[in-house]
Amino acid sequence: MSVSTETVAANARAIRRHIPANVRMMCVVKADAYGHDAARAAKKLRDNGADAFAVAIVEEAEALRRAGIDEMILILGGAGEESLRQAVRCGASQAVYSIQMLDILQDEAVRAGVPAKAHLKLDTGMSRVGVRDAGDLIALLGHWKSSCPDVEMEGAFTHFCAADSDPEFTALQNGRFANALARIRAAGFRPIAHAAATSAMLNPELQYDMVRPGIGLYGSCVPALAGELENAQTLSTYPIRVQRIAAGDTVGYGRTFTAGRETVVMTLPIGYGDGYPRILGNRASVLVKGRRAPLVGRVCMDMIMADVTDIPGVSLSDEVVLLGRQGGERVTPDELAALAETIPYEIMLGFGDRIPVRVID
């Protein structure tokens, strides 16, 4: 697997061009930047439009700090006591949604002799984490004001759960967020407001002070920017066998493919044990000599087979692309996700440790 951080940077520049200059960009680099090497991607992003970064857990924030990322880092997920204390010590901002979390941040700020930073998370309809009820919000704001002087409300945010599919519910969520923001500001706080991830980031009504591109940085899920964004991962390998079989012969476990003609079958050393989805058997294609070759038979734990009958001159020295470009063809995470009945995120993140990753800067 090769990863191009320059492609990630180019995607960031493209997104930045479509966002107003007064709207900041928080780049989401959780889960090792969706499989793109978080530390190296963040360094590229910092020079190409990123104002801040978002991660899921404190360990990811600490890794970015060790890599020299000094910008704002928001930990998006919930956290236990020790993780909250670690967030204060490494200078990261923590999503908070309870008085108990605030009290731990305040205590650690006093103990460590440094200010704590937090972004108030509002649950406007995701039903995952966040302050949901007006009464709870009022109580939390009052406690924050009176009892947590060393915790800065750096931001206030929510997460739209269906921005790409349900504009009516997104508008409802946005109304709830706007009402909560009014209450927060009436209490004397002046946080950075942010709500829009990739699916909503181009909508002016949802941009607020900052947007949070994630999957879009890695080339997926922004139809409006088709042609401007490029996937940054390339997964390739070399065949371990090329064999001709007769019409009527079957391929793989369960004999799910029967050759209707004399067929040239190429075997590749990758399978579901490496994270290549098993469901892609008899569905997906790979690229050989810049042409598509359909998979035949089931995906095995360690191998897959492709029909290369119509590609002349194939050999064991041919590089085969499973994800990425070759010649004028390409296989995208979006394509594989549709065939695997999942989402591009899972494709990008799904490859295992048996596949070495080479980062190209």
Protein backbone atom coordinates (compact mmCIF):
# COMPACT_ATOMS: atom_id res chain seq x y z
CA MET A 1 0.00 0.00 0.00
CA SER A 2 1.34 3.41 -0.90
CA VAL A 3 -0.12 6.64 0.48
CA SER A 4 0.48 10.03 -1.12
CA THR A 5 0.42 12.81 1.45
CA GLU A 6 0.80 15.31 -1.40
CA THR A 7 -2.55 14.08 -2.73
CA VAL A 8 -4.05 14.66 0.72
CA ALA A 9 -2.55 18.15 0.68
CA ALA A 10 -3.96 18.84 -2.79
CA ASN A 11 -7.39 17.73 -1.59
CA ALA A 12 -7.10 20.12 1.36
CA ARG A 13 -6.24 22.98 -0.97
CA ALA A 14 -9.22 22.16 -3.16
CA ILE A 15 -11.57 22.14 -0.18
CA ARG A 16 -10.06 25.34 1.16
CA ARG A 17 -10.84 27.09 -2.15
CA HIS A 18 -14.54 26.38 -1.62
CA ILE A 19 -14.69 27.59 1.98
CA PRO A 20 -14.91 31.31 2.88
CA ALA A 21 -11.68 32.84 4.11
CA ASN A 22 -13.19 33.66 7.49
CA VAL A 23 -14.20 30.02 8.12
CA ARG A 24 -11.51 27.92 9.73
CA MET A 25 -10.74 24.35 8.71
CA MET A 26 -10.30 21.61 11.30
CA CYS A 27 -8.86 18.58 9.52
CA VAL A 28 -9.91 15.22 10.92
CA VAL A 29 -6.94 12.85 11.21
CA LYS A 30 -8.37 10.24 13.58
CA ALA A 31 -7.74 6.52 12.98
CA ASP A 32 -4.26 7.30 11.62
CA ALA A 33 -5.76 9.82 9.19
CA TYR A 34 -8.18 7.19 7.86
CA GLY A 35 -5.22 4.94 7.13
CA HIS A 36 -3.03 7.71 5.63
CA ASP A 37 -0.39 8.16 8.41
CA ALA A 38 -1.69 10.82 10.77
CA ALA A 39 1.60 12.46 11.72
CA ARG A 40 2.86 12.90 8.18
CA ALA A 41 -0.56 13.83 6.80
CA ALA A 42 -1.04 16.44 9.54
CA LYS A 43 2.31 18.06 8.73
CA LYS A 44 1.28 18.35 5.08
CA LEU A 45 -2.18 19.60 5.98
CA ARG A 46 -0.76 22.23 8.32
CA ASP A 47 0.96 23.81 5.31
CA ASN A 48 -2.08 23.51 3.07
CA GLY A 49 -5.00 25.14 4.83
CA ALA A 50 -5.48 23.34 8.14
CA ASP A 51 -6.12 25.60 11.12
CA ALA A 52 -6.74 22.78 13.61
CA PHE A 53 -6.95 19.00 13.84
CA ALA A 54 -9.42 16.52 15.25
CA VAL A 55 -8.77 13.03 16.61
CA ALA A 56 -10.85 10.44 18.43
CA ILE A 57 -8.78 9.60 21.51
CA VAL A 58 -6.09 11.24 23.62
CA GLU A 59 -3.38 8.84 22.44
CA GLU A 60 -3.86 10.17 18.92
CA ALA A 61 -3.50 13.73 20.20
CA GLU A 62 -0.32 12.84 22.06
CA ALA A 63 1.15 11.27 18.92
CA LEU A 64 0.51 14.48 16.97
CA ARG A 65 2.16 16.54 19.70
CA ARG A 66 5.21 14.28 19.61
CA ALA A 67 5.32 14.78 15.84
CA GLY A 68 5.53 18.55 16.33
CA ILE A 69 1.91 19.54 15.68
CA ASP A 70 1.34 22.60 17.88
CA GLU A 71 -2.01 23.69 16.47
CA MET A 72 -5.36 23.16 18.16
CA ILE A 73 -6.19 19.46 18.52
CA LEU A 74 -9.72 18.46 19.47
CA ILE A 75 -10.45 15.03 20.93
CA LEU A 76 -13.89 14.29 19.52
CA GLY A 77 -14.78 11.22 21.55
CA GLY A 78 -15.84 10.61 25.11
CA ALA A 79 -13.16 9.87 27.70
CA GLY A 80 -12.59 8.38 31.12
CA GLU A 81 -10.86 10.19 33.95
CA GLU A 82 -7.25 9.35 33.07
CA SER A 83 -7.78 10.26 29.42
CA LEU A 84 -9.25 13.61 30.42
CA ARG A 85 -6.22 14.30 32.59
CA GLN A 86 -3.88 13.30 29.77
CA ALA A 87 -5.67 15.70 27.44
CA VAL A 88 -4.93 18.60 29.79
CA ARG A 89 -1.28 17.59 30.12
CA CYS A 90 -0.70 17.40 26.36
CA GLY A 91 -2.52 20.65 25.65
CA ALA A 92 -5.34 19.09 23.65
CA SER A 93 -8.96 20.23 23.73
CA GLN A 94 -11.48 17.70 24.96
CA ALA A 95 -15.11 17.31 23.93
CA VAL A 96 -17.16 17.64 27.12
CA TYR A 97 -20.82 17.09 27.85
CA SER A 98 -21.11 16.55 31.60
CA ILE A 99 -20.35 18.33 34.83
CA GLN A 100 -18.23 15.37 35.94
CA MET A 101 -15.96 15.76 32.90
CA LEU A 102 -15.61 19.48 33.59
CA ASP A 103 -14.66 18.85 37.21
CA ILE A 104 -11.90 16.43 36.21
CA LEU A 105 -10.50 18.93 33.70
CA GLN A 106 -10.60 21.69 36.32
CA ASP A 107 -8.85 19.51 38.89
CA GLU A 108 -6.11 18.49 36.47
CA ALA A 109 -5.62 22.08 35.33
CA VAL A 110 -4.94 23.10 38.93
CA ARG A 111 -2.71 20.07 39.57
CA ALA A 112 -0.68 20.53 36.38
CA GLY A 113 -0.58 24.30 36.58
CA VAL A 114 -1.82 24.71 33.01
CA PRO A 115 -5.17 25.79 31.61
CA ALA A 116 -7.53 23.11 30.31
CA LYS A 117 -9.35 23.50 27.02
CA ALA A 118 -12.68 22.02 26.01
CA HIS A 119 -15.28 22.06 23.27
CA LEU A 120 -18.84 21.70 24.51
CA LYS A 121 -20.51 18.87 22.59
CA LEU A 122 -24.23 19.27 21.87
CA ASP A 123 -26.41 16.30 20.94
CA THR A 124 -28.86 17.70 18.40
CA GLY A 125 -30.08 14.36 17.08
CA MET A 126 -27.24 11.89 16.70
CA SER A 127 -28.09 10.35 20.10
CA ARG A 128 -24.48 9.37 20.64
CA VAL A 129 -22.71 11.80 23.00
CA GLY A 130 -23.38 15.39 23.94
CA VAL A 131 -25.65 17.60 26.03
CA ARG A 132 -29.19 16.98 24.84
CA ASP A 133 -31.70 18.72 27.10
CA ALA A 134 -32.01 22.46 27.70
CA GLY A 135 -32.12 21.92 31.44
CA ASP A 136 -28.88 19.95 31.39
CA LEU A 137 -27.25 22.64 29.26
CA ILE A 138 -28.30 25.40 31.65
CA ALA A 139 -26.96 23.44 34.63
CA LEU A 140 -23.66 22.68 32.90
CA LEU A 141 -23.14 26.28 31.83
CA GLY A 142 -23.85 27.52 35.33
CA HIS A 143 -21.40 25.04 36.83
CA TRP A 144 -18.76 25.89 34.22
CA LYS A 145 -19.10 29.60 35.01
CA SER A 146 -19.01 29.23 38.77
CA SER A 147 -16.73 26.27 39.41
CA CYS A 148 -14.36 25.70 36.46
CA PRO A 149 -12.42 28.93 35.94
CA ASP A 150 -9.38 27.09 34.56
CA VAL A 151 -11.28 25.33 31.78
CA GLU A 152 -11.55 27.41 28.63
CA MET A 153 -14.58 26.82 26.42
CA GLU A 154 -12.57 26.93 23.24
CA GLY A 155 -15.42 25.65 21.09
CA ALA A 156 -19.00 24.40 20.94
CA PHE A 157 -20.05 21.86 18.35
CA THR A 158 -22.47 19.25 17.13
CA HIS A 159 -22.48 16.51 14.51
CA PHE A 160 -25.03 16.14 11.72
CA CYS A 161 -26.09 12.53 11.32
CA ALA A 162 -27.68 12.65 7.84
CA ALA A 163 -26.37 15.75 6.07
CA ASP A 164 -25.93 13.80 2.84
CA SER A 165 -29.38 12.24 2.82
CA ASP A 166 -31.94 14.09 4.96
CA PRO A 167 -31.92 17.89 4.56
CA GLU A 168 -35.09 18.28 6.64
CA PHE A 169 -33.60 16.55 9.68
CA THR A 170 -30.31 18.39 9.16
CA ALA A 171 -32.21 21.68 9.26
CA LEU A 172 -33.87 20.53 12.49
CA GLN A 173 -30.47 19.71 13.99
CA ASN A 174 -29.09 23.04 12.85
CA GLY A 175 -31.96 24.89 14.50
CA ARG A 176 -31.31 23.09 17.75
CA PHE A 177 -27.62 23.92 17.52
CA ALA A 178 -28.33 27.60 16.84
CA ASN A 179 -30.65 27.77 19.86
CA ALA A 180 -28.02 26.13 22.06
CA LEU A 181 -25.37 28.54 20.80
CA ALA A 182 -27.59 31.50 21.67
CA ARG A 183 -27.96 30.15 25.20
CA ILE A 184 -24.20 29.56 25.49
CA ARG A 185 -23.39 33.08 24.34
CA ALA A 186 -26.03 34.57 26.61
CA ALA A 187 -24.20 32.90 29.49
CA GLY A 188 -21.07 34.85 28.59
CA PHE A 189 -19.09 32.25 26.61
CA ARG A 190 -17.60 32.98 23.18
CA PRO A 191 -16.66 29.60 21.71
CA ILE A 192 -15.68 28.72 18.16
CA ALA A 193 -18.86 27.21 16.69
CA HIS A 194 -18.61 24.23 14.35
CA ALA A 195 -21.03 21.64 13.07
CA ALA A 196 -20.26 20.64 9.48
CA ALA A 197 -18.16 17.61 8.62
CA THR A 198 -17.42 16.60 5.02
CA SER A 199 -21.04 16.11 3.92
CA ALA A 200 -22.13 19.55 5.10
CA MET A 201 -18.97 21.65 4.83
CA LEU A 202 -19.89 23.35 1.53
CA ASN A 203 -23.31 24.53 2.75
CA PRO A 204 -22.94 28.20 3.78
CA GLU A 205 -25.78 27.89 6.32
CA LEU A 206 -23.91 25.15 8.18
CA GLN A 207 -20.34 26.45 8.12
CA TYR A 208 -20.38 28.67 11.24
CA ASP A 209 -16.83 29.56 12.41
CA MET A 210 -15.17 26.32 11.35
CA VAL A 211 -15.76 23.16 9.31
CA ARG A 212 -14.38 19.67 9.92
CA PRO A 213 -13.44 17.89 6.68
CA GLY A 214 -12.57 14.24 7.20
CA ILE A 215 -13.21 11.69 4.47
CA GLY A 216 -13.14 14.47 1.86
CA LEU A 217 -9.45 15.08 2.59
CA TYR A 218 -8.78 11.56 1.44
CA GLY A 219 -10.72 11.91 -1.80
CA SER A 220 -14.19 10.52 -1.11
CA CYS A 221 -17.78 11.52 -0.46
CA VAL A 222 -17.85 15.04 -1.94
CA PRO A 223 -19.87 14.77 -5.19
CA ALA A 224 -19.79 18.55 -5.62
CA LEU A 225 -15.99 18.41 -5.92
CA ALA A 226 -15.84 15.48 -8.32
CA GLY A 227 -12.76 15.92 -10.47
CA GLU A 228 -11.05 18.13 -7.89
CA LEU A 229 -10.35 15.46 -5.27
CA GLU A 230 -8.23 12.35 -5.68
CA ASN A 231 -7.91 9.22 -3.56
CA ALA A 232 -4.52 9.03 -1.89
CA GLN A 233 -4.16 5.26 -1.40
CA THR A 234 -2.82 2.77 -3.93
CA LEU A 235 -2.91 -0.94 -3.15
CA SER A 236 -1.00 -3.13 -5.55
CA THR A 237 0.65 -6.53 -5.66
CA TYR A 238 2.11 -9.07 -8.10
CA PRO A 239 0.58 -12.38 -9.18
CA ILE A 240 1.83 -15.67 -7.81
CA ARG A 241 0.31 -17.80 -10.57
CA VAL A 242 -1.20 -17.40 -14.05
CA GLN A 243 -2.98 -20.55 -15.19
CA ARG A 244 -5.28 -21.51 -18.05
CA ILE A 245 -8.37 -23.55 -17.11
CA ALA A 246 -10.90 -25.30 -19.34
CA ALA A 247 -14.53 -24.39 -19.95
CA GLY A 248 -16.58 -25.96 -17.18
CA ASP A 249 -13.81 -25.75 -14.56
CA THR A 250 -14.70 -23.99 -11.30
CA VAL A 251 -12.72 -21.52 -9.21
CA GLY A 252 -12.37 -21.19 -5.45
CA TYR A 253 -14.21 -22.31 -2.35
CA GLY A 254 -17.79 -23.34 -2.90
CA ARG A 255 -17.24 -23.44 -6.67
CA THR A 256 -19.09 -20.13 -7.07
CA PHE A 257 -17.56 -19.39 -10.49
CA THR A 258 -17.73 -21.73 -13.46
CA ALA A 259 -15.69 -20.91 -16.54
CA GLY A 260 -17.91 -20.56 -19.59
CA ARG A 261 -14.91 -20.70 -21.88
CA GLU A 262 -11.22 -21.48 -21.68
CA THR A 263 -10.13 -18.95 -19.07
CA VAL A 264 -6.82 -17.52 -17.87
CA VAL A 265 -6.92 -17.17 -14.08
CA MET A 266 -4.46 -14.95 -12.22
CA THR A 267 -3.95 -15.63 -8.51
CA LEU A 268 -2.97 -12.73 -6.23
CA PRO A 269 -1.52 -13.02 -2.69
CA ILE A 270 -4.10 -10.97 -0.79
CA GLY A 271 -7.40 -11.87 0.85
CA TYR A 272 -9.79 -11.13 3.65
CA GLY A 273 -7.01 -11.87 6.14
CA ASP A 274 -5.42 -8.66 4.86
CA GLY A 275 -8.67 -6.71 5.03
CA TYR A 276 -9.80 -7.16 1.43
CA PRO A 277 -13.55 -7.72 1.90
CA ARG A 278 -14.71 -11.28 1.30
CA ILE A 279 -17.96 -10.05 -0.26
CA LEU A 280 -16.02 -8.68 -3.26
CA GLY A 281 -15.59 -12.15 -4.75
CA ASN A 282 -17.32 -12.31 -8.17
CA ARG A 283 -18.06 -8.57 -7.82
CA ALA A 284 -14.96 -6.38 -7.90
CA SER A 285 -12.26 -5.90 -10.51
CA VAL A 286 -8.50 -5.36 -10.37
CA LEU A 287 -6.34 -3.51 -12.88
CA VAL A 288 -3.80 -5.32 -15.01
CA LYS A 289 -1.92 -3.49 -17.78
CA GLY A 290 -4.36 -0.61 -17.31
CA ARG A 291 -7.40 -2.80 -17.96
CA ARG A 292 -10.05 -4.24 -15.69
CA ALA A 293 -9.96 -7.91 -14.75
CA PRO A 294 -12.99 -9.23 -12.82
CA LEU A 295 -12.52 -11.28 -9.69
CA VAL A 296 -13.71 -14.85 -10.02
CA GLY A 297 -14.59 -17.14 -7.15
CA ARG A 298 -14.72 -16.28 -3.49
CA VAL A 299 -12.11 -14.12 -1.79
CA CYS A 300 -9.96 -16.48 0.28
CA MET A 301 -8.19 -15.58 3.51
CA ASP A 302 -4.88 -15.09 1.72
CA MET A 303 -5.62 -15.10 -2.03
CA ILE A 304 -7.96 -13.85 -4.73
CA MET A 305 -8.34 -14.89 -8.35
CA ALA A 306 -8.99 -12.71 -11.40
CA ASP A 307 -10.02 -13.49 -14.97
CA VAL A 308 -7.35 -12.06 -17.26
CA THR A 309 -8.36 -13.95 -20.41
CA ASP A 310 -9.00 -10.76 -22.38
CA ILE A 311 -5.72 -9.08 -21.40
CA PRO A 312 -2.95 -10.27 -23.71
CA GLY A 313 0.54 -11.04 -22.51
CA VAL A 314 -0.03 -11.17 -18.76
CA SER A 315 2.80 -12.53 -16.65
CA LEU A 316 4.06 -12.83 -13.09
CA SER A 317 5.92 -9.53 -13.54
CA ASP A 318 2.74 -7.47 -14.06
CA GLU A 319 1.88 -5.08 -11.23
CA VAL A 320 -1.80 -5.49 -10.32
CA VAL A 321 -3.70 -2.58 -8.76
CA LEU A 322 -6.54 -3.43 -6.39
CA LEU A 323 -7.14 0.16 -5.26
CA GLY A 324 -5.95 3.21 -7.14
CA ARG A 325 -5.05 4.21 -10.69
CA GLN A 326 -3.36 2.32 -13.48
CA GLY A 327 -3.32 3.79 -16.95
CA GLY A 328 -6.65 5.37 -17.70
CA GLU A 329 -8.56 3.17 -15.25
CA ARG A 330 -9.00 3.44 -11.51
CA VAL A 331 -10.59 1.55 -8.65
CA THR A 332 -11.78 3.87 -5.87
CA PRO A 333 -12.74 3.23 -2.25
CA ASP A 334 -16.21 4.43 -3.21
CA GLU A 335 -16.50 1.76 -5.90
CA LEU A 336 -15.33 -1.03 -3.62
CA ALA A 337 -17.60 0.23 -0.84
CA ALA A 338 -20.65 0.10 -3.10
CA LEU A 339 -19.79 -3.43 -4.18
CA ALA A 340 -19.09 -4.48 -0.59
CA GLU A 341 -22.31 -2.86 0.66
CA THR A 342 -20.43 -0.65 3.09
CA ILE A 343 -18.89 2.86 3.15
CA PRO A 344 -15.55 4.18 1.83
CA TYR A 345 -14.33 4.75 5.39
CA GLU A 346 -14.34 1.01 6.04
CA ILE A 347 -12.42 0.31 2.83
CA MET A 348 -9.72 2.88 3.61
CA LEU A 349 -9.33 1.70 7.20
CA GLY A 350 -9.81 -2.00 6.67
CA PHE A 351 -6.40 -3.18 5.48
CA GLY A 352 -4.36 -5.07 8.05
CA ASP A 353 -0.82 -5.22 9.31
CA ARG A 354 0.25 -7.80 6.72
CA ILE A 355 0.10 -5.03 4.11
CA PRO A 356 3.11 -2.71 4.49
CA VAL A 357 2.39 0.99 4.05
CA ARG A 358 4.78 3.26 2.17
CA VAL A 359 4.14 6.99 2.57
CA ILE A 360 5.11 9.13 -0.40
CA ASP A 361 5.67 12.80 0.47
